[in-house]
């Protein structure tokens, strides 16, 4: 799939939902729990697939998951037990930027 900024994606194996914050201009396979995510808001609790037990690291509400080399950043809007990945590589949680010193 070719993601676009603002696109909402929902997992097909758990409750995870994300919004694309930044994306490359190329095809990227975004998965959760080892299966491809579908376009949508993720408001329905129905799941259609089975997750890969090795890819169940979880995602946290309000956290950003990014791959700077690929140019992809996702914002988690609904948490779930599945691991977010791009092109088969797990996305690490993005660390917050440090604030400047106030001295």
Protein backbone atom coordinates (compact mmCIF):
# COMPACT_ATOMS: atom_id res chain seq x y z
CA UNK A 1 0.00 0.00 0.00
CA UNK A 2 1.07 3.56 -0.55
CA UNK A 3 0.27 5.37 2.72
CA UNK A 4 -0.61 9.05 2.82
CA UNK A 5 -0.42 11.61 5.63
CA UNK A 6 -3.61 11.64 7.71
CA UNK A 7 -4.66 8.16 6.65
CA UNK A 8 -6.22 6.06 9.42
CA UNK A 9 -5.20 2.40 9.60
CA UNK A 10 -6.71 -0.34 11.75
CA UNK A 11 -5.33 -3.75 12.65
CA UNK A 12 -7.18 -6.81 11.41
CA UNK A 13 -6.00 -8.97 14.33
CA UNK A 14 -6.48 -6.76 17.41
CA UNK A 15 -7.73 -3.33 18.53
CA UNK A 16 -4.72 -1.28 17.36
CA UNK A 17 -5.43 1.82 15.24
CA UNK A 18 -2.96 4.43 13.98
CA UNK A 19 -2.79 7.64 11.95
CA UNK A 20 0.00 8.16 9.40
CA UNK A 21 1.92 11.29 10.44
CA UNK A 22 4.80 11.07 7.96
CA UNK A 23 5.32 8.68 5.04
CA UNK A 24 7.60 8.07 2.06
CA UNK A 25 6.48 8.36 -1.58
CA UNK A 26 6.82 4.62 -2.11
CA UNK A 27 4.98 1.41 -1.36
CA UNK A 28 5.23 0.36 2.31
CA UNK A 29 3.72 -2.71 3.94
CA UNK A 30 2.46 -1.58 7.36
CA UNK A 31 1.55 -4.49 9.61
CA UNK A 32 0.33 -5.11 13.13
CA UNK A 33 0.80 -8.49 14.75
CA UNK A 34 2.26 -9.79 11.48
CA UNK A 35 -0.75 -9.03 9.25
CA UNK A 36 -1.39 -6.03 7.01
CA UNK A 37 -3.36 -3.12 8.44
CA UNK A 38 -6.54 -2.02 6.68
CA UNK A 39 -7.67 1.51 5.94
CA UNK A 40 -10.33 2.65 8.41
CA UNK A 41 -10.86 4.13 11.83
CA UNK A 42 -10.73 0.85 13.72
CA UNK A 43 -13.99 1.54 15.54
CA UNK A 44 -15.35 -1.97 15.02
CA UNK A 45 -13.94 -4.60 17.38
CA UNK A 46 -14.21 -7.41 14.78
CA UNK A 47 -10.96 -9.10 13.85
CA UNK A 48 -10.49 -11.09 10.68
CA UNK A 49 -7.08 -12.71 11.10
CA UNK A 50 -4.80 -14.44 13.55
CA UNK A 51 -1.74 -12.61 14.92
CA UNK A 52 1.78 -13.98 14.84
CA UNK A 53 2.60 -14.87 18.50
CA UNK A 54 6.17 -13.57 18.07
CA UNK A 55 4.88 -10.13 17.01
CA UNK A 56 2.76 -9.34 20.04
CA UNK A 57 4.91 -6.66 21.73
CA UNK A 58 2.04 -4.18 21.94
CA UNK A 59 1.49 -0.55 21.06
CA UNK A 60 0.70 2.30 23.45
CA UNK A 61 -1.95 5.02 23.15
CA UNK A 62 -0.59 8.41 22.08
CA UNK A 63 2.91 7.14 21.31
CA UNK A 64 4.63 7.61 17.97
CA UNK A 65 6.32 4.75 16.17
CA UNK A 66 8.86 5.72 13.51
CA UNK A 67 11.50 4.53 11.07
CA UNK A 68 13.63 7.56 10.21
CA UNK A 69 15.54 5.75 7.45
CA UNK A 70 12.27 4.88 5.70
CA UNK A 71 10.63 8.23 6.51
CA UNK A 72 7.57 6.69 8.20
CA UNK A 73 5.91 7.85 11.41
CA UNK A 74 2.67 6.51 12.94
CA UNK A 75 0.64 7.86 15.88
CA UNK A 76 -1.20 5.20 17.90
CA UNK A 77 -4.83 6.22 18.47
CA UNK A 78 -6.04 2.89 19.92
CA UNK A 79 -3.65 0.57 21.77
CA UNK A 80 -3.44 -3.15 21.26
CA UNK A 81 -1.20 -6.17 21.83
CA UNK A 82 0.19 -6.33 18.26
CA UNK A 83 3.62 -5.03 17.24
CA UNK A 84 3.63 -2.32 14.55
CA UNK A 85 6.03 -3.00 11.67
CA UNK A 86 6.94 -1.59 8.26
CA UNK A 87 8.21 -3.90 5.51
CA UNK A 88 8.65 -6.68 8.08
CA UNK A 89 10.78 -4.63 10.51
CA UNK A 90 9.31 -3.71 13.91
CA UNK A 91 8.87 0.04 14.40
CA UNK A 92 10.52 1.39 17.55
CA UNK A 93 8.72 3.89 19.76
CA UNK A 94 9.94 7.40 19.00
CA UNK A 95 11.59 9.07 21.96
CA UNK A 96 10.48 12.59 22.88
CA UNK A 97 12.69 15.53 21.96
CA UNK A 98 14.48 17.03 24.96
CA UNK A 99 13.38 20.51 25.95
CA UNK A 100 15.96 23.30 25.88
CA UNK A 101 17.54 24.36 29.15
CA UNK A 102 15.71 27.17 30.90
CA UNK A 103 18.71 28.77 32.60
